[in-house]
Amino acid sequence: MKLTHELILQYRSPKGGWKKSQLAALGVSWPPKKGWTKEVVGMELTDQQFQQFTGKSSIGFDLFDANFL
């Protein structure tokens, strides 16, 4: 899957940030430097990267949902 700007924005936290683990999935170091989104837009994500960034498993469970645990 190709990473888009819209996808990056879709998976921000309610406060407008991202988890360290999400950025690690994209190869972005913590804390992220200004302009990191422009550097990753267009990259091809593996299924594993997509799952780590979005919190969605391939079978549709929300891995960040506390009720899942």
PDB file of N, CA and C in Angstrom:
ATOM      1  N   MET A   1       0.843  -1.170   0.000  1.00  0.00           N
ATOM      2  CA  MET A   1       0.000   0.000   0.000  1.00  0.00           C
ATOM      3  C   MET A   1       0.891   1.238   0.000  1.00  0.00           C
ATOM      4  N   LYS A   2       0.525   2.206  -0.806  1.00  0.00           N
ATOM      5  CA  LYS A   2       1.287   3.446  -0.873  1.00  0.00           C
ATOM      6  C   LYS A   2       0.777   4.410   0.198  1.00  0.00           C
ATOM      7  N   LEU A   3       1.699   4.985   0.949  1.00  0.00           N
ATOM      8  CA  LEU A   3       1.360   5.906   2.031  1.00  0.00           C
ATOM      9  C   LEU A   3       1.013   7.273   1.455  1.00  0.00           C
ATOM     10  N   THR A   4      -0.150   7.779   1.855  1.00  0.00           N
ATOM     11  CA  THR A   4      -0.599   9.088   1.393  1.00  0.00           C
ATOM     12  C   THR A   4      -0.651  10.063   2.569  1.00  0.00           C
ATOM     13  N   HIS A   5      -0.706  11.339   2.234  1.00  0.00           N
ATOM     14  CA  HIS A   5      -0.826  12.373   3.264  1.00  0.00           C
ATOM     15  C   HIS A   5      -2.141  12.194   4.038  1.00  0.00           C
ATOM     16  N   GLU A   6      -3.183  11.830   3.328  1.00  0.00           N
ATOM     17  CA  GLU A   6      -4.489  11.629   3.959  1.00  0.00           C
ATOM     18  C   GLU A   6      -4.450  10.485   4.960  1.00  0.00           C
ATOM     19  N   LEU A   7      -3.768   9.396   4.604  1.00  0.00           N
ATOM     20  CA  LEU A   7      -3.650   8.260   5.509  1.00  0.00           C
ATOM     21  C   LEU A   7      -2.875   8.653   6.765  1.00  0.00           C
ATOM     22  N   ILE A   8      -1.815   9.410   6.592  1.00  0.00           N
ATOM     23  CA  ILE A   8      -1.024   9.864   7.745  1.00  0.00           C
ATOM     24  C   ILE A   8      -1.908  10.677   8.685  1.00  0.00           C
ATOM     25  N   LEU A   9      -2.671  11.612   8.143  1.00  0.00           N
ATOM     26  CA  LEU A   9      -3.528  12.454   8.974  1.00  0.00           C
ATOM     27  C   LEU A   9      -4.666  11.673   9.610  1.00  0.00           C
ATOM     28  N   GLN A  10      -5.165  10.675   8.932  1.00  0.00           N
ATOM     29  CA  GLN A  10      -6.280   9.869   9.429  1.00  0.00           C
ATOM     30  C   GLN A  10      -5.938   9.150  10.725  1.00  0.00           C
ATOM     31  N   TYR A  11      -4.694   8.790  10.901  1.00  0.00           N
ATOM     32  CA  TYR A  11      -4.310   7.986  12.068  1.00  0.00           C
ATOM     33  C   TYR A  11      -3.575   8.779  13.141  1.00  0.00           C
ATOM     34  N   ARG A  12      -3.837  10.081  13.194  1.00  0.00           N
ATOM     35  CA  ARG A  12      -3.332  10.898  14.298  1.00  0.00           C
ATOM     36  C   ARG A  12      -4.162  10.613  15.545  1.00  0.00           C
ATOM     37  N   SER A  13      -3.602  10.924  16.690  1.00  0.00           N
ATOM     38  CA  SER A  13      -4.345  10.800  17.938  1.00  0.00           C
ATOM     39  C   SER A  13      -5.373  11.935  18.006  1.00  0.00           C
ATOM     40  N   PRO A  14      -6.303  11.863  18.947  1.00  0.00           N
ATOM     41  CA  PRO A  14      -7.274  12.957  19.095  1.00  0.00           C
ATOM     42  C   PRO A  14      -6.612  14.318  19.341  1.00  0.00           C
ATOM     43  N   LYS A  15      -5.415  14.303  19.909  1.00  0.00           N
ATOM     44  CA  LYS A  15      -4.695  15.560  20.155  1.00  0.00           C
ATOM     45  C   LYS A  15      -3.869  16.002  18.948  1.00  0.00           C
ATOM     46  N   GLY A  16      -3.862  15.195  17.897  1.00  0.00           N
ATOM     47  CA  GLY A  16      -3.186  15.597  16.667  1.00  0.00           C
ATOM     48  C   GLY A  16      -1.766  15.092  16.498  1.00  0.00           C
ATOM     49  N   GLY A  17      -1.342  14.142  17.316  1.00  0.00           N
ATOM     50  CA  GLY A  17       0.009  13.601  17.215  1.00  0.00           C
ATOM     51  C   GLY A  17      -0.007  12.135  16.807  1.00  0.00           C
ATOM     52  N   TRP A  18       1.160  11.533  16.889  1.00  0.00           N
ATOM     53  CA  TRP A  18       1.306  10.114  16.555  1.00  0.00           C
ATOM     54  C   TRP A  18       2.085   9.440  17.667  1.00  0.00           C
ATOM     55  N   LYS A  19       1.869   8.143  17.806  1.00  0.00           N
ATOM     56  CA  LYS A  19       2.622   7.361  18.789  1.00  0.00           C
ATOM     57  C   LYS A  19       4.012   7.074  18.246  1.00  0.00           C
ATOM     58  N   LYS A  20       4.930   6.922  19.165  1.00  0.00           N
ATOM     59  CA  LYS A  20       6.308   6.597  18.805  1.00  0.00           C
ATOM     60  C   LYS A  20       6.356   5.326  17.965  1.00  0.00           C
ATOM     61  N   SER A  21       5.546   4.334  18.315  1.00  0.00           N
ATOM     62  CA  SER A  21       5.531   3.071  17.577  1.00  0.00           C
ATOM     63  C   SER A  21       5.014   3.247  16.154  1.00  0.00           C
ATOM     64  N   GLN A  22       4.069   4.167  15.976  1.00  0.00           N
ATOM     65  CA  GLN A  22       3.563   4.441  14.628  1.00  0.00           C
ATOM     66  C   GLN A  22       4.676   4.996  13.742  1.00  0.00           C
ATOM     67  N   LEU A  23       5.404   5.956  14.276  1.00  0.00           N
ATOM     68  CA  LEU A  23       6.474   6.570  13.496  1.00  0.00           C
ATOM     69  C   LEU A  23       7.603   5.584  13.239  1.00  0.00           C
ATOM     70  N   ALA A  24       7.875   4.727  14.206  1.00  0.00           N
ATOM     71  CA  ALA A  24       8.916   3.715  14.019  1.00  0.00           C
ATOM     72  C   ALA A  24       8.563   2.798  12.855  1.00  0.00           C
ATOM     73  N   ALA A  25       7.268   2.515  12.683  1.00  0.00           N
ATOM     74  CA  ALA A  25       6.830   1.668  11.570  1.00  0.00           C
ATOM     75  C   ALA A  25       7.175   2.285  10.226  1.00  0.00           C
ATOM     76  N   LEU A  26       7.266   3.606  10.194  1.00  0.00           N
ATOM     77  CA  LEU A  26       7.579   4.318   8.960  1.00  0.00           C
ATOM     78  C   LEU A  26       9.064   4.652   8.836  1.00  0.00           C
ATOM     79  N   GLY A  27       9.838   4.279   9.856  1.00  0.00           N
ATOM     80  CA  GLY A  27      11.268   4.571   9.838  1.00  0.00           C
ATOM     81  C   GLY A  27      11.598   5.988  10.270  1.00  0.00           C
ATOM     82  N   VAL A  28      10.669   6.624  10.981  1.00  0.00           N
ATOM     83  CA  VAL A  28      10.860   8.001  11.453  1.00  0.00           C
ATOM     84  C   VAL A  28      11.344   7.944  12.896  1.00  0.00           C
ATOM     85  N   SER A  29      12.444   8.636  13.175  1.00  0.00           N
ATOM     86  CA  SER A  29      12.994   8.629  14.535  1.00  0.00           C
ATOM     87  C   SER A  29      12.170   9.543  15.442  1.00  0.00           C
ATOM     88  N   TRP A  30      12.300   9.280  16.749  1.00  0.00           N
ATOM     89  CA  TRP A  30      11.582  10.051  17.760  1.00  0.00           C
ATOM     90  C   TRP A  30      12.531  10.973  18.467  1.00  0.00           C
ATOM     91  N   PRO A  31      12.209  12.214  18.699  1.00  0.00           N
ATOM     92  CA  PRO A  31      11.015  12.896  18.227  1.00  0.00           C
ATOM     93  C   PRO A  31      11.116  13.191  16.730  1.00  0.00           C
ATOM     94  N   PRO A  32       9.988  13.242  16.042  1.00  0.00           N
ATOM     95  CA  PRO A  32      10.029  13.475  14.599  1.00  0.00           C
ATOM     96  C   PRO A  32      10.488  14.888  14.279  1.00  0.00           C
ATOM     97  N   LYS A  33      11.253  14.999  13.212  1.00  0.00           N
ATOM     98  CA  LYS A  33      11.733  16.317  12.779  1.00  0.00           C
ATOM     99  C   LYS A  33      10.689  16.960  11.882  1.00  0.00           C
ATOM    100  N   LYS A  34      10.705  18.272  11.855  1.00  0.00           N
ATOM    101  CA  LYS A  34       9.782  19.015  10.997  1.00  0.00           C
ATOM    102  C   LYS A  34       9.928  18.525   9.557  1.00  0.00           C
ATOM    103  N   GLY A  35       8.804  18.327   8.907  1.00  0.00           N
ATOM    104  CA  GLY A  35       8.812  17.891   7.523  1.00  0.00           C
ATOM    105  C   GLY A  35       8.847  16.389   7.312  1.00  0.00           C
ATOM    106  N   TRP A  36       8.730  15.616   8.392  1.00  0.00           N
ATOM    107  CA  TRP A  36       8.834  14.150   8.248  1.00  0.00           C
ATOM    108  C   TRP A  36       7.736  13.586   7.369  1.00  0.00           C
ATOM    109  N   THR A  37       6.555  14.208   7.375  1.00  0.00           N
ATOM    110  CA  THR A  37       5.462  13.668   6.569  1.00  0.00           C
ATOM    111  C   THR A  37       5.787  13.731   5.082  1.00  0.00           C
ATOM    112  N   LYS A  38       6.427  14.809   4.654  1.00  0.00           N
ATOM    113  CA  LYS A  38       6.792  14.940   3.242  1.00  0.00           C
ATOM    114  C   LYS A  38       7.794  13.874   2.826  1.00  0.00           C
ATOM    115  N   GLU A  39       8.626  13.447   3.764  1.00  0.00           N
ATOM    116  CA  GLU A  39       9.642  12.439   3.465  1.00  0.00           C
ATOM    117  C   GLU A  39       9.050  11.040   3.288  1.00  0.00           C
ATOM    118  N   VAL A  40       7.926  10.760   3.949  1.00  0.00           N
ATOM    119  CA  VAL A  40       7.367   9.406   3.896  1.00  0.00           C
ATOM    120  C   VAL A  40       6.198   9.245   2.934  1.00  0.00           C
ATOM    121  N   VAL A  41       5.578  10.350   2.529  1.00  0.00           N
ATOM    122  CA  VAL A  41       4.472  10.257   1.579  1.00  0.00           C
ATOM    123  C   VAL A  41       4.978   9.600   0.294  1.00  0.00           C
ATOM    124  N   GLY A  42       4.238   8.610  -0.162  1.00  0.00           N
ATOM    125  CA  GLY A  42       4.598   7.904  -1.379  1.00  0.00           C
ATOM    126  C   GLY A  42       5.353   6.609  -1.151  1.00  0.00           C
ATOM    127  N   MET A  43       5.809   6.373   0.088  1.00  0.00           N
ATOM    128  CA  MET A  43       6.533   5.127   0.335  1.00  0.00           C
ATOM    129  C   MET A  43       5.558   3.951   0.322  1.00  0.00           C
ATOM    130  N   GLU A  44       6.063   2.804  -0.097  1.00  0.00           N
ATOM    131  CA  GLU A  44       5.268   1.576  -0.104  1.00  0.00           C
ATOM    132  C   GLU A  44       5.356   0.926   1.275  1.00  0.00           C
ATOM    133  N   LEU A  45       4.205   0.633   1.855  1.00  0.00           N
ATOM    134  CA  LEU A  45       4.157  -0.009   3.166  1.00  0.00           C
ATOM    135  C   LEU A  45       3.921  -1.499   3.018  1.00  0.00           C
ATOM    136  N   THR A  46       4.651  -2.263   3.811  1.00  0.00           N
ATOM    137  CA  THR A  46       4.362  -3.687   3.907  1.00  0.00           C
ATOM    138  C   THR A  46       3.104  -3.849   4.754  1.00  0.00           C
ATOM    139  N   ASP A  47       2.526  -5.038   4.756  1.00  0.00           N
ATOM    140  CA  ASP A  47       1.358  -5.290   5.607  1.00  0.00           C
ATOM    141  C   ASP A  47       1.698  -5.037   7.072  1.00  0.00           C
ATOM    142  N   GLN A  48       2.888  -5.450   7.470  1.00  0.00           N
ATOM    143  CA  GLN A  48       3.310  -5.268   8.856  1.00  0.00           C
ATOM    144  C   GLN A  48       3.441  -3.788   9.207  1.00  0.00           C
ATOM    145  N   GLN A  49       4.032  -2.991   8.326  1.00  0.00           N
ATOM    146  CA  GLN A  49       4.151  -1.556   8.572  1.00  0.00           C
ATOM    147  C   GLN A  49       2.772  -0.904   8.663  1.00  0.00           C
ATOM    148  N   PHE A  50       1.891  -1.300   7.752  1.00  0.00           N
ATOM    149  CA  PHE A  50       0.538  -0.748   7.768  1.00  0.00           C
ATOM    150  C   PHE A  50      -0.154  -1.068   9.088  1.00  0.00           C
ATOM    151  N   GLN A  51      -0.046  -2.300   9.528  1.00  0.00           N
ATOM    152  CA  GLN A  51      -0.673  -2.712  10.783  1.00  0.00           C
ATOM    153  C   GLN A  51      -0.102  -1.942  11.962  1.00  0.00           C
ATOM    154  N   GLN A  52       1.219  -1.757  11.986  1.00  0.00           N
ATOM    155  CA  GLN A  52       1.840  -1.051  13.106  1.00  0.00           C
ATOM    156  C   GLN A  52       1.464   0.427  13.085  1.00  0.00           C
ATOM    157  N   PHE A  53       1.373   1.018  11.918  1.00  0.00           N
ATOM    158  CA  PHE A  53       1.050   2.443  11.839  1.00  0.00           C
ATOM    159  C   PHE A  53      -0.422   2.707  12.136  1.00  0.00           C
ATOM    160  N   THR A  54      -1.314   1.901  11.589  1.00  0.00           N
ATOM    161  CA  THR A  54      -2.747   2.156  11.729  1.00  0.00           C
ATOM    162  C   THR A  54      -3.372   1.510  12.955  1.00  0.00           C
ATOM    163  N   GLY A  55      -2.740   0.459  13.480  1.00  0.00           N
ATOM    164  CA  GLY A  55      -3.342  -0.274  14.590  1.00  0.00           C
ATOM    165  C   GLY A  55      -4.399  -1.247  14.123  1.00  0.00           C
ATOM    166  N   LYS A  56      -4.485  -1.455  12.815  1.00  0.00           N
ATOM    167  CA  LYS A  56      -5.483  -2.366  12.252  1.00  0.00           C
ATOM    168  C   LYS A  56      -4.790  -3.641  11.806  1.00  0.00           C
ATOM    169  N   SER A  57      -5.295  -4.766  12.286  1.00  0.00           N
ATOM    170  CA  SER A  57      -4.748  -6.029  11.833  1.00  0.00           C
ATOM    171  C   SER A  57      -5.368  -6.376  10.488  1.00  0.00           C
ATOM    172  N   SER A  58      -4.835  -7.350   9.844  1.00  0.00           N
ATOM    173  CA  SER A  58      -5.347  -7.739   8.536  1.00  0.00           C
ATOM    174  C   SER A  58      -6.757  -8.327   8.619  1.00  0.00           C
ATOM    175  N   ILE A  59      -7.193  -8.692   9.823  1.00  0.00           N
ATOM    176  CA  ILE A  59      -8.559  -9.206   9.962  1.00  0.00           C
ATOM    177  C   ILE A  59      -9.505  -8.150  10.532  1.00  0.00           C
ATOM    178  N   GLY A  60      -9.028  -6.907  10.637  1.00  0.00           N
ATOM    179  CA  GLY A  60      -9.919  -5.809  10.973  1.00  0.00           C
ATOM    180  C   GLY A  60     -10.066  -5.433  12.431  1.00  0.00           C
ATOM    181  N   PHE A  61      -9.325  -6.060  13.339  1.00  0.00           N
ATOM    182  CA  PHE A  61      -9.409  -5.655  14.734  1.00  0.00           C
ATOM    183  C   PHE A  61      -8.609  -4.385  14.944  1.00  0.00           C
ATOM    184  N   ASP A  62      -9.123  -3.505  15.800  1.00  0.00           N
ATOM    185  CA  ASP A  62      -8.416  -2.284  16.145  1.00  0.00           C
ATOM    186  C   ASP A  62      -7.486  -2.611  17.303  1.00  0.00           C
ATOM    187  N   LEU A  63      -6.195  -2.652  17.023  1.00  0.00           N
ATOM    188  CA  LEU A  63      -5.213  -3.065  18.038  1.00  0.00           C
ATOM    189  C   LEU A  63      -5.025  -2.022  19.127  1.00  0.00           C
ATOM    190  N   PHE A  64      -5.450  -0.763  18.894  1.00  0.00           N
ATOM    191  CA  PHE A  64      -5.326   0.277  19.915  1.00  0.00           C
ATOM    192  C   PHE A  64      -6.588   0.372  20.775  1.00  0.00           C
ATOM    193  N   ASP A  65      -7.594  -0.421  20.476  1.00  0.00           N
ATOM    194  CA  ASP A  65      -8.841  -0.427  21.217  1.00  0.00           C
ATOM    195  C   ASP A  65      -8.641  -1.212  22.519  1.00  0.00           C
ATOM    196  N   ALA A  66      -8.879  -0.562  23.630  1.00  0.00           N
ATOM    197  CA  ALA A  66      -8.684  -1.204  24.937  1.00  0.00           C
ATOM    198  C   ALA A  66      -9.604  -2.405  25.115  1.00  0.00           C
ATOM    199  N   ASN A  67     -10.755  -2.424  24.467  1.00  0.00           N
ATOM    200  CA  ASN A  67     -11.678  -3.544  24.598  1.00  0.00           C
ATOM    201  C   ASN A  67     -11.144  -4.798  23.916  1.00  0.00           C
ATOM    202  N   PHE A  68     -10.200  -4.637  22.992  1.00  0.00           N
ATOM    203  CA  PHE A  68      -9.610  -5.775  22.279  1.00  0.00           C
ATOM    204  C   PHE A  68      -8.761  -6.601  23.222  1.00  0.00           C
ATOM    205  N   LEU A  69      -8.100  -5.947  24.181  1.00  0.00           N
ATOM    206  CA  LEU A  69      -7.231  -6.649  25.122  1.00  0.00           C
ATOM    207  C   LEU A  69      -8.097  -7.356  26.097  1.00  0.00           C
TER     208      LEU A  69
END
